[in-house]
Protein backbone atom coordinates (compact mmCIF):
# COMPACT_ATOMS: atom_id res chain seq x y z
CA MET A 1 18.07 -0.87 10.06
CA ARG A 2 20.10 -3.50 11.68
CA ALA A 3 21.89 -4.35 8.57
CA GLN A 4 22.22 -0.27 7.91
CA SER A 5 23.24 0.89 11.54
CA ASP A 6 26.00 3.10 9.92
CA THR A 7 23.86 4.99 7.48
CA PHE A 8 20.18 5.24 9.33
CA ILE A 9 19.21 5.93 13.24
CA VAL A 10 15.61 4.92 14.31
CA GLU A 11 13.77 8.09 15.90
CA LEU A 12 10.03 6.59 16.17
CA LEU A 13 8.66 3.58 16.20
CA THR A 14 5.16 3.13 16.22
CA THR A 15 2.28 0.06 15.59
CA ASN A 16 -1.05 -0.39 15.94
CA GLY A 17 -1.48 -3.00 18.47
CA ASN A 18 1.83 -5.30 18.28
CA ALA A 19 3.07 -4.35 21.62
CA ASP A 20 5.40 -7.29 22.09
CA LEU A 21 7.25 -6.45 18.68
CA LEU A 22 7.20 -2.78 19.51
CA ILE A 23 9.05 -3.65 22.99
CA GLN A 24 11.71 -5.93 21.02
CA GLN A 25 12.44 -3.49 18.71
CA ALA A 26 12.43 -0.15 20.95
CA LYS A 27 15.19 -2.42 23.23
CA GLU A 28 17.28 -2.91 20.06
CA PHE A 29 17.32 0.30 18.27
CA GLN A 30 16.57 2.93 21.69
CA PRO A 31 14.54 5.11 19.27
CA ASN A 32 13.77 8.48 20.47
CA ALA A 33 10.04 7.84 21.05
CA VAL A 34 7.54 4.78 20.51
CA VAL A 35 4.03 5.05 19.77
CA ILE A 36 1.24 2.37 20.38
CA ALA A 37 -1.96 3.12 18.92
CA ASP A 38 -3.99 0.90 20.98
CA GLU A 39 -4.29 2.88 24.12
CA SER A 40 -5.58 -0.19 26.12
CA LYS A 41 -1.56 -1.58 25.97
CA PHE A 42 0.31 1.79 26.98
CA GLN A 43 0.86 0.83 30.39
CA PHE A 44 2.32 -2.46 29.30
CA VAL A 45 4.54 -0.95 27.03
CA ARG A 46 5.70 1.86 29.19
CA ASP A 47 6.59 -0.71 32.01
CA ALA A 48 8.55 -2.50 29.49
CA LEU A 49 10.51 0.44 28.67
CA LYS A 50 11.04 1.84 31.87
CA ASP A 51 14.43 1.47 32.20
CA LEU A 52 15.36 3.15 28.74
CA PRO A 53 15.57 6.54 27.21
CA VAL A 54 12.74 5.77 25.29
CA LYS A 55 9.61 8.17 25.42
CA VAL A 56 6.29 6.24 25.28
CA PHE A 57 3.12 7.45 23.48
CA ALA A 58 -0.38 6.13 22.82
CA GLY A 59 -3.39 6.79 20.77
CA THR A 60 -3.39 7.71 16.95
CA ASP A 61 -3.13 11.32 17.49
CA ALA A 62 0.07 11.09 19.01
CA ILE A 63 1.29 8.81 15.63
CA THR A 64 -0.17 11.96 14.12
CA GLN A 65 2.17 14.45 16.28
CA CYS A 66 5.24 12.24 16.82
CA VAL A 67 5.86 11.95 12.95
CA GLN A 68 6.47 15.96 13.02
CA MET A 69 9.40 15.49 15.66
CA SER A 70 12.44 17.80 14.17
CA GLU A 71 14.93 15.16 14.51
CA ILE A 72 13.19 12.84 11.91
CA ASP A 73 14.37 13.62 8.34
CA ILE A 74 12.22 10.84 6.48
CA VAL A 75 8.99 8.68 7.59
CA LEU A 76 8.35 5.42 6.26
CA THR A 77 4.87 5.33 6.12
CA ALA A 78 3.62 1.82 6.38
CA LEU A 79 0.18 1.89 8.18
CA VAL A 80 -2.79 -0.28 6.75
CA GLY A 81 -5.30 1.42 5.12
CA TYR A 82 -7.28 5.05 5.42
CA ALA A 83 -5.52 5.19 9.01
CA GLY A 84 -2.20 6.44 7.10
CA LEU A 85 -3.47 9.24 5.66
CA LYS A 86 -3.63 11.81 8.37
CA PRO A 87 -0.31 10.81 9.59
CA THR A 88 1.47 11.07 6.06
CA LEU A 89 -0.70 14.62 5.42
CA GLU A 90 1.16 15.72 8.75
CA ALA A 91 4.35 14.49 7.82
CA ILE A 92 4.36 16.12 4.39
CA ARG A 93 3.26 19.72 6.06
CA ALA A 94 6.11 19.20 8.35
CA GLY A 95 8.40 19.00 5.38
CA LYS A 96 9.47 15.20 5.80
CA GLN A 97 10.17 13.48 2.93
CA ILE A 98 8.04 10.12 2.72
CA ALA A 99 9.23 6.39 2.10
CA LEU A 100 5.49 5.48 0.79
CA ALA A 101 4.37 1.74 1.64
CA ASN A 102 0.75 3.10 2.50
CA LYS A 103 -0.95 2.87 -1.20
CA GLU A 104 -4.34 3.97 0.39
CA THR A 105 -3.16 6.90 0.81
CA LEU A 106 -2.74 8.18 -2.65
CA VAL A 107 -5.89 6.02 -3.56
CA VAL A 108 -8.05 8.02 -1.09
CA ALA A 109 -6.08 11.77 -2.11
CA GLY A 110 -4.07 11.70 -4.48
CA GLU A 111 -4.14 15.19 -5.64
CA LEU A 112 -4.24 16.66 -2.18
CA ILE A 113 -1.27 14.51 -1.07
CA THR A 114 0.72 15.26 -4.08
CA SER A 115 0.01 19.02 -4.32
CA LEU A 116 0.82 19.57 -0.77
CA ALA A 117 4.44 17.73 -1.42
CA LYS A 118 4.83 19.53 -4.09
CA GLU A 119 4.45 22.74 -2.06
CA LYS A 120 6.14 21.84 0.61
CA ASN A 121 9.06 20.33 -1.44
CA VAL A 122 8.70 16.67 -0.12
CA ASN A 123 9.49 13.85 -2.42
CA ILE A 124 7.50 10.49 -1.88
CA TYR A 125 9.52 7.59 -2.57
CA PRO A 126 7.54 4.47 -3.65
CA VAL A 127 8.03 1.36 -1.40
CA ASP A 128 5.44 -0.89 -2.94
CA SER A 129 7.56 -3.55 -5.06
CA GLU A 130 5.63 -2.63 -8.00
CA HIS A 131 5.94 1.20 -7.62
CA SER A 132 9.71 1.11 -6.73
CA ALA A 133 10.33 -1.30 -10.06
CA ILE A 134 8.46 1.80 -12.12
CA PHE A 135 10.85 4.42 -10.16
CA GLN A 136 13.88 2.47 -10.49
CA CYS A 137 13.22 2.04 -14.06
CA MET A 138 12.84 5.72 -14.59
CA ALA A 139 16.32 6.60 -13.25
CA GLY A 140 17.96 8.75 -15.45
CA GLU A 141 14.80 8.70 -17.58
CA TRP A 142 12.85 11.46 -16.15
CA HIS A 143 12.85 13.50 -19.32
CA ASN A 144 11.84 10.66 -21.47
CA LYS A 145 8.01 10.21 -22.35
CA VAL A 146 6.75 7.43 -21.08
CA GLU A 147 4.03 5.42 -23.27
CA LYS A 148 2.82 3.13 -20.94
CA ILE A 149 3.72 1.41 -17.58
CA TYR A 150 2.38 -2.07 -16.97
CA LEU A 151 1.76 -3.07 -13.08
CA THR A 152 2.58 -7.00 -12.70
CA ALA A 153 0.30 -9.28 -10.56
CA SER A 154 0.91 -12.96 -9.56
CA GLY A 155 -2.65 -13.45 -9.81
CA GLY A 156 -3.18 -14.45 -6.01
CA PRO A 157 -4.18 -18.13 -4.97
CA PHE A 158 -6.99 -18.38 -7.15
CA ARG A 159 -5.47 -17.53 -10.50
CA GLY A 160 -7.50 -19.24 -13.53
CA LYS A 161 -10.28 -20.20 -11.08
CA ASP A 162 -13.87 -19.60 -12.06
CA LYS A 163 -17.04 -17.99 -10.15
CA ASN A 164 -18.52 -21.46 -9.22
CA PHE A 165 -14.99 -22.07 -7.38
CA LEU A 166 -14.42 -18.84 -5.86
CA SER A 167 -18.25 -18.94 -4.34
CA THR A 168 -17.18 -21.51 -1.83
CA VAL A 169 -13.61 -20.13 -0.71
CA LYS A 170 -12.84 -19.38 2.63
CA LYS A 171 -10.39 -17.01 4.34
CA GLU A 172 -7.93 -19.73 5.12
CA GLU A 173 -7.61 -20.34 1.35
CA ALA A 174 -7.33 -16.83 0.39
CA LEU A 175 -4.50 -16.30 2.88
CA LYS A 176 -2.47 -18.89 1.23
CA HIS A 177 -0.38 -16.42 -1.32
CA PRO A 178 1.97 -18.34 -3.76
CA ASN A 179 4.62 -15.97 -3.55
CA TRP A 180 4.59 -12.98 -0.94
CA GLU A 181 4.37 -13.01 2.77
CA MET A 182 2.04 -10.01 3.62
CA GLY A 183 -0.29 -9.25 6.14
CA THR A 184 -4.02 -10.38 6.14
CA LYS A 185 -5.60 -7.61 4.38
CA VAL A 186 -3.15 -7.22 1.95
CA THR A 187 -2.97 -11.04 1.34
CA ILE A 188 -7.12 -10.74 0.54
CA ASP A 189 -6.78 -7.79 -1.74
CA SER A 190 -4.21 -9.66 -3.46
CA ALA A 191 -6.51 -12.73 -3.90
CA THR A 192 -9.35 -10.58 -5.24
CA LEU A 193 -7.25 -8.20 -7.55
CA MET A 194 -8.06 -5.17 -5.66
CA ASN A 195 -4.78 -4.47 -4.52
CA LYS A 196 -3.78 -4.24 -8.46
CA GLY A 197 -6.40 -1.93 -8.71
CA LEU A 198 -5.68 0.41 -5.55
CA GLU A 199 -1.89 0.07 -7.02
CA MET A 200 -3.19 1.38 -10.21
CA ILE A 201 -4.64 4.46 -8.72
CA GLU A 202 -1.47 5.14 -6.62
CA ALA A 203 0.50 4.68 -9.78
CA LYS A 204 -1.55 7.70 -11.61
CA TRP A 205 -0.82 9.68 -8.97
CA LEU A 206 2.90 8.84 -7.92
CA PHE A 207 4.30 8.97 -11.80
CA GLY A 208 1.90 11.82 -12.98
CA LEU A 209 0.00 9.30 -15.44
CA THR A 210 -3.30 9.03 -17.40
CA PRO A 211 -5.43 5.86 -16.82
CA GLU A 212 -4.91 5.08 -20.22
CA GLN A 213 -1.00 4.93 -19.63
CA ILE A 214 -1.62 2.27 -16.63
CA ASP A 215 -2.38 -1.42 -17.45
CA VAL A 216 -1.92 -4.47 -15.23
CA ILE A 217 -0.56 -8.16 -16.49
CA VAL A 218 -0.57 -11.16 -15.05
CA HIS A 219 3.12 -12.71 -14.00
CA PRO A 220 2.71 -16.18 -11.72
CA GLN A 221 6.44 -15.80 -11.06
CA SER A 222 6.48 -12.75 -9.35
CA ILE A 223 10.22 -12.20 -10.82
CA ILE A 224 9.42 -8.99 -12.81
CA HIS A 225 7.88 -6.41 -10.60
CA SER A 226 6.73 -3.84 -13.37
CA ILE A 227 7.88 -2.73 -16.76
CA VAL A 228 8.07 0.92 -18.26
CA GLN A 229 7.57 1.38 -21.87
CA PHE A 230 8.88 4.37 -23.47
CA GLU A 231 7.54 6.57 -26.74
CA ASP A 232 10.00 4.88 -28.88
CA GLY A 233 8.76 1.45 -27.97
CA SER A 234 11.69 0.37 -25.71
CA MET A 235 10.81 -1.36 -22.54
CA LYS A 236 12.51 -1.39 -19.02
CA ALA A 237 11.58 -3.99 -16.46
CA GLN A 238 12.80 -4.45 -12.72
CA MET A 239 13.69 -7.94 -11.54
CA GLY A 240 14.41 -9.86 -8.08
CA LEU A 241 12.93 -12.20 -5.78
CA PRO A 242 9.74 -11.32 -3.96
CA ASP A 243 11.30 -9.62 -1.17
CA MET A 244 10.11 -6.40 0.12
CA LYS A 245 13.50 -5.61 2.02
CA LEU A 246 14.95 -4.31 -1.20
CA PRO A 247 12.53 -1.79 -2.20
CA ILE A 248 11.99 -0.62 1.60
CA GLN A 249 16.10 -0.43 1.11
CA TYR A 250 16.15 1.47 -2.25
CA ALA A 251 13.56 4.06 -0.86
CA LEU A 252 15.25 5.04 2.26
CA GLY A 253 18.72 5.31 0.65
CA TYR A 254 17.78 7.01 -2.50
CA PRO A 255 19.50 8.03 -4.70
CA GLN A 256 22.00 5.36 -3.45
CA ARG A 257 21.98 1.65 -3.84
CA LEU A 258 22.83 0.49 -0.57
CA LYS A 259 25.11 -2.54 -0.27
CA SER A 260 23.07 -5.73 1.24
CA ASP A 261 23.27 -9.61 1.52
CA PHE A 262 19.72 -10.17 0.53
CA LYS A 263 19.31 -13.63 -1.44
CA ARG A 264 20.13 -13.16 -5.26
CA PHE A 265 17.92 -14.35 -8.09
CA ASP A 266 19.30 -17.38 -10.10
CA PHE A 267 18.14 -17.34 -13.43
CA ALA A 268 18.73 -21.38 -13.42
CA ASN A 269 15.82 -21.44 -11.17
CA PHE A 270 13.22 -19.70 -13.08
CA PRO A 271 13.65 -21.17 -16.79
CA SER A 272 10.68 -19.73 -18.26
CA LEU A 273 9.00 -16.31 -17.48
CA SER A 274 4.92 -16.14 -18.19
CA PHE A 275 2.34 -13.31 -18.64
CA GLU A 276 -1.39 -13.43 -19.43
CA LYS A 277 -4.20 -11.09 -19.22
CA PRO A 278 -6.06 -10.52 -15.95
CA ASP A 279 -9.77 -12.06 -15.55
CA ILE A 280 -11.52 -9.04 -14.72
CA THR A 281 -14.84 -10.56 -15.07
CA THR A 282 -14.29 -13.33 -12.22
CA PHE A 283 -12.11 -10.95 -10.37
CA ARG A 284 -14.36 -7.83 -10.60
CA ASN A 285 -12.59 -5.55 -8.15
CA LEU A 286 -10.06 -4.81 -10.79
CA ALA A 287 -12.76 -3.83 -13.06
CA LEU A 288 -14.27 -1.51 -10.45
CA ALA A 289 -11.09 0.03 -9.31
CA THR A 290 -10.36 1.15 -13.25
CA GLU A 291 -13.74 2.84 -13.19
CA ALA A 292 -12.52 4.82 -9.79
CA MET A 293 -9.65 5.64 -11.38
CA MET A 294 -11.43 6.89 -14.37
CA ARG A 295 -13.70 9.05 -13.05
CA GLY A 296 -11.50 10.06 -10.06
CA GLY A 297 -13.34 12.56 -7.22
CA ASN A 298 -14.15 10.76 -4.24
CA LEU A 299 -14.91 7.27 -5.93
CA PRO A 300 -11.38 5.85 -5.26
CA CYS A 301 -11.96 6.75 -1.48
CA ILE A 302 -15.49 4.79 -1.56
CA ILE A 303 -14.00 1.91 -2.85
CA ASN A 304 -11.12 1.92 -0.85
CA ALA A 305 -13.33 2.42 2.55
CA ALA A 306 -16.12 -0.28 1.08
CA ASN A 307 -13.06 -2.55 0.60
CA GLU A 308 -11.52 -2.08 4.29
CA VAL A 309 -15.03 -3.22 5.64
CA VAL A 310 -15.76 -6.24 3.23
CA VAL A 311 -12.08 -7.47 3.58
CA GLU A 312 -12.68 -7.34 7.72
CA ALA A 313 -16.31 -9.16 7.14
CA PHE A 314 -14.68 -11.70 5.01
CA LEU A 315 -12.03 -12.53 7.70
CA ARG A 316 -14.71 -12.79 10.17
CA ASP A 317 -16.37 -15.24 8.07
CA ARG A 318 -19.57 -12.70 7.29
CA ILE A 319 -19.71 -12.40 3.78
CA GLY A 320 -18.73 -14.50 0.93
CA PHE A 321 -15.59 -14.12 -1.66
CA LEU A 322 -17.34 -13.09 -4.73
CA GLU A 323 -20.17 -10.82 -2.57
CA MET A 324 -17.28 -8.33 -1.51
CA SER A 325 -17.17 -7.02 -5.18
CA ASP A 326 -21.05 -6.76 -4.79
CA THR A 327 -20.78 -4.53 -1.91
CA ILE A 328 -18.28 -2.44 -3.00
CA GLU A 329 -20.18 -1.98 -6.32
CA SER A 330 -23.59 -1.18 -4.38
CA CYS A 331 -21.36 1.44 -2.43
CA MET A 332 -19.89 3.58 -5.54
CA LYS A 333 -23.46 3.54 -6.67
CA LYS A 334 -25.28 4.79 -3.49
CA ILE A 335 -22.44 7.29 -2.22
CA SER A 336 -22.96 10.73 -3.39
CA PHE A 337 -19.85 11.47 -5.96
CA ILE A 338 -17.95 14.46 -5.67
CA ALA A 339 -15.61 15.78 -8.67
CA GLN A 340 -13.49 17.73 -6.67
CA PRO A 341 -13.56 16.68 -2.75
CA SER A 342 -11.32 18.66 0.10
CA TYR A 343 -10.12 17.03 2.80
CA GLU A 344 -13.11 16.97 4.79
CA ASP A 345 -15.21 15.31 1.91
CA TYR A 346 -12.85 12.53 2.05
CA VAL A 347 -13.21 12.09 5.70
CA GLU A 348 -17.11 12.33 5.39
CA THR A 349 -16.93 10.09 2.72
CA ASP A 350 -15.06 7.38 4.23
CA ASN A 351 -17.11 7.23 7.23
CA GLU A 352 -20.50 7.40 5.03
CA THR A 353 -19.27 4.47 3.01
CA ARG A 354 -18.48 2.37 6.08
CA LYS A 355 -21.75 2.87 7.65
CA ARG A 356 -23.50 1.95 4.33
CA ALA A 357 -21.26 -1.24 3.67
CA LEU A 358 -21.83 -2.32 6.55
CA GLU A 359 -25.59 -1.93 5.89
CA PHE A 360 -24.81 -4.04 3.00
CA LEU A 361 -23.58 -6.88 5.00
CA PRO A 362 -25.72 -10.18 5.59
CA ALA A 363 -27.55 -10.26 8.80
């Protein structure tokens, strides 16, 4: 926004609990309103902004309400996990265009979200680097049949490691991603390959694909962000340095490519690019997510809820790295399967799965 101030106006800023950053950005961009989900920090934020013409709200319900503001044209949804579902739904109902960085929204309720977006004539522009890459490769190609897409994965910090090694790893090791700087939850998901499994489900809904049309390939350098293969056998790939600024800008500026001063890729620094199949036997989360994608219904909601619980438990040293997959699989077996869930079914599934996952955790 700082570099594109002539193009965009910030109307609303939200955060879960990072009050200091919210205050800093509110002072710089002076939006119409800000929301801090953590209500205990409301007074702190309001006092810090009392001399500015910025409305201050608190609580998760306030986020859902504020995204419907008439002044807003496009909503960048970047909340972490299941929390992004309800605000995104309400933004779509209000006719706002969506730049989606919260993959869990489509993982949990892809059919509901895409149907509502179609009904409201709302576009969903992908922000995840892999889905942005597919979107960019499809520009000018929407009339051509896609045979397959390949989502690339770095392999995370434990690429090539076996189960004996993984049985003793700690969160400090799992949080050392080789290429990307991300939040803790996404970084752990990358280490377990769950992130790539969730991205497969998201891609299914974003691009109207069948599970058979979606594949994952490990690409350690993270330069090719994803690939589209058309029915004539031709393949298109989007390349660039691992930096989220570009896909965010592309989503917000689409269909234009806005000029930027982002660091440029230099072929001389990457004399070779390599690819390999993912190890789904060792990294079972990818196999579990693939099963959920194939079966559909509320099963993706189940794996997402269970995964959010076990990642938090792993970050608190309550569960081992490999045990995360065990808990997710147990929830997939124990929670009732619903083939055509409603929104209320998703809410109930999420609640029930979280309770069951906590029961599976070691005492």
